[in-house]
Protein backbone atom coordinates (compact mmCIF):
# COMPACT_ATOMS: atom_id res chain seq x y z
CA MET A 1 0.01 0.06 -0.08
CA LYS A 2 3.09 2.38 0.73
CA ASN A 3 4.04 1.90 -2.92
CA PHE A 4 0.49 2.46 -4.41
CA THR A 5 0.53 5.93 -2.19
CA LYS A 6 3.94 6.81 -3.46
CA LEU A 7 2.84 5.80 -7.22
CA PHE A 8 -0.52 7.67 -6.82
CA ILE A 9 0.92 10.89 -5.31
CA ALA A 10 3.70 10.97 -8.10
CA GLY A 11 0.86 10.32 -10.78
CA LEU A 12 -1.25 13.25 -9.28
CA SER A 13 2.04 15.33 -8.94
CA THR A 14 2.86 14.63 -12.90
CA ILE A 15 -0.61 15.66 -13.81
CA THR A 16 -0.55 18.80 -11.77
CA ALA A 17 2.93 19.83 -13.31
CA PHE A 18 1.25 19.06 -16.85
CA THR A 19 -1.75 20.98 -16.06
CA ALA A 20 -0.14 23.84 -13.86
CA CYS A 21 -3.28 24.35 -11.94
CA ASN A 22 -4.66 23.48 -8.32
CA LYS A 23 -7.02 20.68 -7.99
CA THR A 24 -10.01 21.83 -6.34
CA THR A 25 -11.60 18.26 -5.82
CA VAL A 26 -10.54 14.83 -6.41
CA THR A 27 -12.95 11.76 -6.11
CA THR A 28 -11.04 8.48 -6.22
CA SER A 29 -12.05 4.82 -6.76
CA THR A 30 -9.23 2.45 -5.80
CA SER A 31 -10.93 -0.77 -5.62
CA THR A 32 -9.18 -3.49 -7.29
CA THR A 33 -11.82 -6.19 -7.04
CA GLY A 34 -13.60 -7.50 -10.01
CA SER A 35 -12.16 -7.32 -13.42
CA SER A 36 -10.48 -3.98 -14.24
CA SER A 37 -7.54 -3.93 -16.83
CA MET A 38 -5.92 -2.08 -19.49
CA LYS A 39 -4.12 -3.52 -22.70
CA LEU A 40 -2.10 -1.60 -25.16
CA ALA A 41 0.67 -1.98 -27.69
CA TYR A 42 3.31 0.45 -27.88
CA ASN A 43 5.64 0.18 -31.11
CA ASN A 44 4.15 -3.07 -31.65
CA THR A 45 5.12 -4.51 -28.15
CA ASN A 46 2.09 -5.60 -26.12
CA MET A 47 1.60 -4.72 -22.48
CA ALA A 48 -1.23 -5.46 -20.11
CA PHE A 49 -1.86 -3.89 -16.72
CA ASN A 50 -4.23 -5.94 -14.15
CA THR A 51 -5.57 -2.88 -12.58
CA CYS A 52 -7.32 0.03 -13.95
CA ILE A 53 -9.30 2.75 -11.90
CA ALA A 54 -11.12 5.92 -13.06
CA ILE A 55 -10.44 8.99 -10.81
CA GLN A 56 -13.03 12.14 -11.59
CA SER A 57 -11.53 15.55 -10.54
CA SER A 58 -11.91 19.16 -11.06
CA VAL A 59 -9.31 21.05 -12.36
CA ASN A 60 -9.84 25.14 -12.27
CA GLY A 61 -13.44 24.23 -12.84
CA SER A 62 -12.78 21.71 -15.62
CA GLU A 63 -13.88 18.41 -15.29
CA GLN A 64 -11.28 15.77 -16.08
CA LEU A 65 -11.57 11.92 -15.82
CA ILE A 66 -8.47 10.24 -15.42
CA ILE A 67 -8.25 6.33 -16.24
CA SER A 68 -4.99 4.86 -14.89
CA GLY A 69 -3.51 1.35 -15.69
CA TYR A 70 -0.84 -0.60 -13.78
CA ASN A 71 -0.06 -3.91 -12.29
CA VAL A 72 -0.50 -5.06 -8.74
CA THR A 73 1.18 -8.01 -7.80
CA LYS A 74 1.44 -9.30 -4.04
CA SER A 75 0.08 -5.84 -2.97
CA GLN A 76 3.24 -4.26 -4.88
CA ILE A 77 2.61 -1.54 -7.47
CA SER A 78 4.44 -1.58 -10.79
CA ASP A 79 6.84 0.97 -11.63
CA ASN A 80 5.28 1.45 -15.15
CA SER A 81 1.77 2.68 -15.75
CA PHE A 82 -0.32 4.08 -18.32
CA GLU A 83 -3.03 6.77 -18.35
CA VAL A 84 -6.07 8.19 -20.38
CA ASP A 85 -7.35 11.49 -19.54
CA LEU A 86 -10.72 12.74 -20.78
CA TYR A 87 -11.48 16.35 -20.29
CA ALA A 88 -15.15 15.48 -19.32
CA ASP A 89 -17.23 14.77 -16.43
CA ILE A 90 -17.63 10.95 -16.07
CA ASP A 91 -21.62 11.61 -15.82
CA SER A 92 -21.86 13.18 -19.17
CA ILE A 93 -20.21 10.54 -20.85
CA LYS A 94 -21.97 8.37 -23.57
CA VAL A 95 -21.30 5.14 -25.24
CA GLY A 96 -19.82 5.73 -28.71
CA GLN A 97 -18.52 9.09 -27.71
CA VAL A 98 -15.09 9.90 -29.31
CA PHE A 99 -12.62 12.07 -27.58
CA PRO A 100 -9.85 13.10 -29.98
CA ALA A 101 -6.43 14.04 -28.97
CA SER A 102 -6.13 17.74 -27.30
CA THR A 103 -5.44 20.46 -30.09
CA ILE A 104 -5.10 23.05 -26.97
CA PHE A 105 -4.57 22.73 -23.29
CA GLU A 106 -7.28 20.99 -21.49
CA GLN A 107 -9.65 21.32 -24.37
CA PRO A 108 -13.00 20.02 -23.51
CA HIS A 109 -14.27 16.85 -25.07
CA SER A 110 -10.68 15.88 -25.90
CA MET A 111 -7.93 13.35 -24.57
CA THR A 112 -4.38 13.22 -23.45
CA LEU A 113 -2.45 9.83 -23.11
CA PHE A 114 0.30 9.45 -20.84
CA PHE A 115 3.07 6.54 -20.55
CA PHE A 116 5.19 6.24 -17.54
CA PRO A 117 7.63 2.95 -18.57
CA ASP A 118 9.27 3.44 -15.37
CA THR A 119 9.81 5.88 -12.34
CA THR A 120 11.62 8.54 -14.12
CA ASN A 121 10.40 8.98 -17.71
CA ALA A 122 7.01 10.27 -19.00
CA TYR A 123 5.70 10.32 -22.86
CA VAL A 124 2.50 12.21 -23.54
CA THR A 125 0.43 13.27 -26.46
CA GLN A 126 1.04 16.87 -27.48
CA VAL A 127 -1.18 19.63 -28.70
CA ALA A 128 1.48 20.73 -31.31
CA GLN A 129 0.86 17.30 -33.04
CA PRO A 130 -2.38 15.68 -31.58
CA ILE A 131 -2.49 12.07 -32.58
CA GLY A 132 -5.01 9.71 -31.44
CA SER A 133 -8.39 9.06 -29.93
CA VAL A 134 -10.46 7.38 -27.19
CA THR A 135 -13.86 5.79 -27.95
CA ILE A 136 -16.06 4.86 -25.19
CA THR A 137 -17.68 1.37 -25.57
CA ALA A 138 -19.43 1.11 -22.28
CA VAL A 139 -20.37 3.24 -19.08
CA THR A 140 -22.14 1.79 -16.13
CA SER A 141 -22.44 2.77 -12.32
CA ASN A 142 -19.42 0.62 -11.75
CA GLU A 143 -17.19 0.93 -14.76
CA ILE A 144 -16.15 2.48 -17.62
CA ARG A 145 -14.60 0.84 -20.86
CA GLY A 146 -13.22 2.12 -23.90
CA THR A 147 -10.54 1.81 -26.87
CA PHE A 148 -7.74 4.29 -27.42
CA SER A 149 -4.85 4.82 -29.83
CA GLY A 150 -2.20 7.73 -30.11
CA GLY A 151 1.20 9.21 -30.67
CA LEU A 152 3.44 9.86 -27.84
CA PHE A 153 6.35 12.53 -27.50
CA ASN A 154 8.60 13.14 -24.45
CA SER A 155 6.91 15.20 -21.96
CA ASP A 156 9.21 18.01 -22.54
CA ASP A 157 9.01 17.92 -26.43
CA PHE A 158 6.49 20.73 -26.62
CA ASP A 159 6.85 21.13 -30.36
CA ALA A 160 6.13 17.48 -31.06
CA SER A 161 9.37 17.23 -33.01
CA ALA A 162 10.19 13.60 -32.23
CA LEU A 163 7.55 10.82 -32.18
CA ILE A 164 8.65 8.26 -29.57
CA TYR A 165 5.90 5.76 -29.19
CA THR A 166 3.02 4.70 -31.38
CA ILE A 167 0.13 3.40 -29.18
CA THR A 168 -2.33 0.90 -31.05
CA ASN A 169 -4.95 -1.60 -30.00
CA GLY A 170 -5.69 -0.03 -26.42
CA SER A 171 -8.56 -1.10 -24.40
CA PHE A 172 -9.59 -0.52 -20.66
CA THR A 173 -12.02 -1.62 -18.13
CA ALA A 174 -11.69 0.90 -15.22
CA LYS A 175 -13.36 0.49 -11.99
CA ARG A 176 -15.51 3.54 -10.61
CA GLU A 177 -17.78 4.28 -7.68
């Protein structure tokens, strides 16, 4: 649990750094019971996470749904994770809704992808070259499901000059409360 707390705080710190704002409210769902998961391929290498949670937050009055995938093994949290951020309120999201990659910072009804392959590196979609989308396939009171793809750049490559990862075949089943 101590590692999860550190990972969770590091993830929120990273999000805060990327959004350069103050979080006003955060509602979290950290249940790992049931079948939650995230799968994707990065540069044709398959990756799977056995835990996926949905966290709804309000950032400067703007709603943001954070869907995080990571592995939990014997109560230990993995050093790698993947995150799908939707700039919308989960209660307004509909099946079939498509969220394109953001073309401006925190663009309503868009998305941003984050890949943390280890504890020090972060890769993200960039507004200078928005590549990818998220499609919602199911929304219930307990979970949200969807598919995603995108192009990821180094987190400090704001001009999107060097594509590092191509994300394909992404899917998630995230637990929510």
